[in-house]
C-alpha atoms as a PDB file:
ATOM      1  CA  MET A   1       2.243 -14.989   4.322  1.00  0.00           C
ATOM      2  CA  LYS A   2       2.657 -14.672   8.055  1.00  0.00           C
ATOM      3  CA  PRO A   3       1.542 -11.513   9.889  1.00  0.00           C
ATOM      4  CA  LEU A   4       3.982  -8.801  10.912  1.00  0.00           C
ATOM      5  CA  GLY A   5       5.375  -8.978  14.427  1.00  0.00           C
ATOM      6  CA  HIS A   6       5.942  -6.244  16.966  1.00  0.00           C
ATOM      7  CA  PRO A   7       7.010  -3.406  16.527  1.00  0.00           C
ATOM      8  CA  ASP A   8       6.347  -3.527  12.767  1.00  0.00           C
ATOM      9  CA  SER A   9       2.658  -4.291  13.252  1.00  0.00           C
ATOM     10  CA  PHE A  10       2.443  -1.240  15.528  1.00  0.00           C
ATOM     11  CA  HIS A  11       3.902   1.002  12.812  1.00  0.00           C
ATOM     12  CA  LEU A  12       1.507  -0.451  10.252  1.00  0.00           C
ATOM     13  CA  GLN A  13      -1.495   0.250  12.488  1.00  0.00           C
ATOM     14  CA  ALA A  14      -0.206   3.754  13.191  1.00  0.00           C
ATOM     15  CA  ALA A  15       0.043   4.350   9.433  1.00  0.00           C
ATOM     16  CA  VAL A  16      -3.566   3.251   9.017  1.00  0.00           C
ATOM     17  CA  GLY A  17      -4.553   5.621  11.822  1.00  0.00           C
ATOM     18  CA  TRP A  18      -2.798   8.552  10.157  1.00  0.00           C
ATOM     19  CA  LEU A  19      -4.568   7.745   6.886  1.00  0.00           C
ATOM     20  CA  GLU A  20      -7.904   7.750   8.686  1.00  0.00           C
ATOM     21  CA  LEU A  21      -7.027  11.217   9.971  1.00  0.00           C
ATOM     22  CA  GLY A  22      -6.213  12.322   6.422  1.00  0.00           C
ATOM     23  CA  ASN A  23      -2.472  12.713   6.975  1.00  0.00           C
ATOM     24  CA  PHE A  24      -0.730  10.620   4.338  1.00  0.00           C
ATOM     25  CA  THR A  25       2.648  12.220   5.064  1.00  0.00           C
ATOM     26  CA  GLU A  26       2.694  10.909   8.650  1.00  0.00           C
ATOM     27  CA  ALA A  27       1.302   7.576   7.429  1.00  0.00           C
ATOM     28  CA  ASN A  28       4.260   7.276   5.075  1.00  0.00           C
ATOM     29  CA  GLU A  29       6.663   8.111   7.907  1.00  0.00           C
ATOM     30  CA  GLU A  30       5.218   5.252   9.959  1.00  0.00           C
ATOM     31  CA  LEU A  31       5.700   2.864   7.042  1.00  0.00           C
ATOM     32  CA  GLU A  32       9.335   3.966   6.816  1.00  0.00           C
ATOM     33  CA  ASN A  33       9.775   2.812  10.436  1.00  0.00           C
ATOM     34  CA  ILE A  34       8.986  -0.784   9.443  1.00  0.00           C
ATOM     35  CA  THR A  35      11.985  -3.104   9.141  1.00  0.00           C
ATOM     36  CA  PRO A  36      13.272  -2.647   5.561  1.00  0.00           C
ATOM     37  CA  GLN A  37      13.027  -6.358   4.709  1.00  0.00           C
ATOM     38  CA  LEU A  38       9.360  -6.380   5.754  1.00  0.00           C
ATOM     39  CA  ARG A  39       8.303  -3.363   3.699  1.00  0.00           C
ATOM     40  CA  ALA A  40       7.620  -5.746   0.818  1.00  0.00           C
ATOM     41  CA  HIS A  41       4.976  -7.572   2.891  1.00  0.00           C
ATOM     42  CA  PRO A  42       1.573  -7.398   1.147  1.00  0.00           C
ATOM     43  CA  ASP A  43      -0.045  -5.769   4.202  1.00  0.00           C
ATOM     44  CA  VAL A  44       2.539  -2.996   4.135  1.00  0.00           C
ATOM     45  CA  ARG A  45       2.212  -2.587   0.380  1.00  0.00           C
ATOM     46  CA  GLU A  46      -1.570  -2.247   0.662  1.00  0.00           C
ATOM     47  CA  VAL A  47      -1.203   0.617   3.110  1.00  0.00           C
ATOM     48  CA  ARG A  48       1.575   2.118   0.989  1.00  0.00           C
ATOM     49  CA  TRP A  49      -0.845   2.014  -1.961  1.00  0.00           C
ATOM     50  CA  GLN A  50      -3.364   3.992   0.090  1.00  0.00           C
ATOM     51  CA  VAL A  51      -0.694   6.567   0.954  1.00  0.00           C
ATOM     52  CA  TYR A  52       0.237   7.042  -2.699  1.00  0.00           C
ATOM     53  CA  ALA A  53      -3.416   7.103  -3.750  1.00  0.00           C
ATOM     54  CA  ALA A  54      -4.081   9.880  -1.226  1.00  0.00           C
ATOM     55  CA  ALA A  55      -1.192  11.769  -2.832  1.00  0.00           C
ATOM     56  CA  LYS A  56      -2.602  10.945  -6.293  1.00  0.00           C
ATOM     57  CA  LYS A  57       0.637   9.277  -7.387  1.00  0.00           C
ATOM     58  CA  TRP A  58      -1.118   6.867  -9.710  1.00  0.00           C
ATOM     59  CA  GLU A  59       1.921   5.532 -11.589  1.00  0.00           C
ATOM     60  CA  ALA A  60       3.448   4.453  -8.282  1.00  0.00           C
ATOM     61  CA  CYS A  61       0.086   2.976  -7.284  1.00  0.00           C
ATOM     62  CA  VAL A  62       0.099   0.790 -10.404  1.00  0.00           C
ATOM     63  CA  ASP A  63       3.584  -0.477  -9.516  1.00  0.00           C
ATOM     64  CA  ILE A  64       2.669  -1.172  -5.889  1.00  0.00           C
ATOM     65  CA  ALA A  65      -0.530  -2.978  -6.860  1.00  0.00           C
ATOM     66  CA  ALA A  66       1.329  -5.046  -9.473  1.00  0.00           C
ATOM     67  CA  ALA A  67       3.784  -6.118  -6.770  1.00  0.00           C
ATOM     68  CA  ILE A  68       0.883  -7.122  -4.509  1.00  0.00           C
ATOM     69  CA  THR A  69      -0.668  -9.239  -7.272  1.00  0.00           C
ATOM     70  CA  LYS A  70       2.649 -11.042  -7.794  1.00  0.00           C
ATOM     71  CA  LEU A  71       3.297 -11.637  -4.080  1.00  0.00           C
ATOM     72  CA  ALA A  72      -0.262 -12.550  -3.174  1.00  0.00           C
ATOM     73  CA  PRO A  73      -2.334 -13.233  -6.307  1.00  0.00           C
ATOM     74  CA  ASN A  74      -5.299 -14.403  -4.231  1.00  0.00           C
ATOM     75  CA  ARG A  75      -5.657 -11.006  -2.544  1.00  0.00           C
ATOM     76  CA  GLU A  76      -8.448  -9.267  -4.371  1.00  0.00           C
ATOM     77  CA  LEU A  77      -7.363  -5.811  -3.230  1.00  0.00           C
ATOM     78  CA  GLY A  78      -4.172  -5.966  -5.282  1.00  0.00           C
ATOM     79  CA  TRP A  79      -6.188  -6.422  -8.461  1.00  0.00           C
ATOM     80  CA  ILE A  80      -8.748  -3.818  -7.442  1.00  0.00           C
ATOM     81  CA  HIS A  81      -6.042  -1.287  -6.548  1.00  0.00           C
ATOM     82  CA  ARG A  82      -4.287  -1.878  -9.863  1.00  0.00           C
ATOM     83  CA  SER A  83      -7.498  -1.408 -11.822  1.00  0.00           C
ATOM     84  CA  TYR A  84      -8.404   1.746  -9.932  1.00  0.00           C
ATOM     85  CA  ALA A  85      -4.972   3.311 -10.465  1.00  0.00           C
ATOM     86  CA  LEU A  86      -5.047   2.469 -14.175  1.00  0.00           C
ATOM     87  CA  HIS A  87      -8.504   4.024 -14.417  1.00  0.00           C
ATOM     88  CA  GLU A  88      -7.218   7.209 -12.766  1.00  0.00           C
ATOM     89  CA  LEU A  89      -4.463   7.299 -15.400  1.00  0.00           C
ATOM     90  CA  ILE A  90      -7.129   6.939 -18.100  1.00  0.00           C
ATOM     91  CA  ARG A  91      -5.735   3.503 -18.959  1.00  0.00           C
ATOM     92  CA  THR A  92      -8.822   1.559 -17.901  1.00  0.00           C
ATOM     93  CA  GLU A  93      -8.587  -0.955 -20.754  1.00  0.00           C
ATOM     94  CA  GLU A  94      -5.256  -2.235 -19.436  1.00  0.00           C
END
């Protein structure tokens, strides 16, 4: 999948920056500034997963990670994120 262009890549990097500062609310706001059609991009979904994980919204994390594994099955992080979220839900065997 091709990388995001400007200004969407800027918003994605800003979201990562907010996460590094521990502010998942502002990170989510930056993700909402990305062009709606591009919010399904695996890079955006990976950061969205981190936002929801910081908020401990594990059910949503499972859904996001499942979408990543379907869009980009060769991305290891999708599988790792899914497993981690399932573990947090005490559904590790899944």
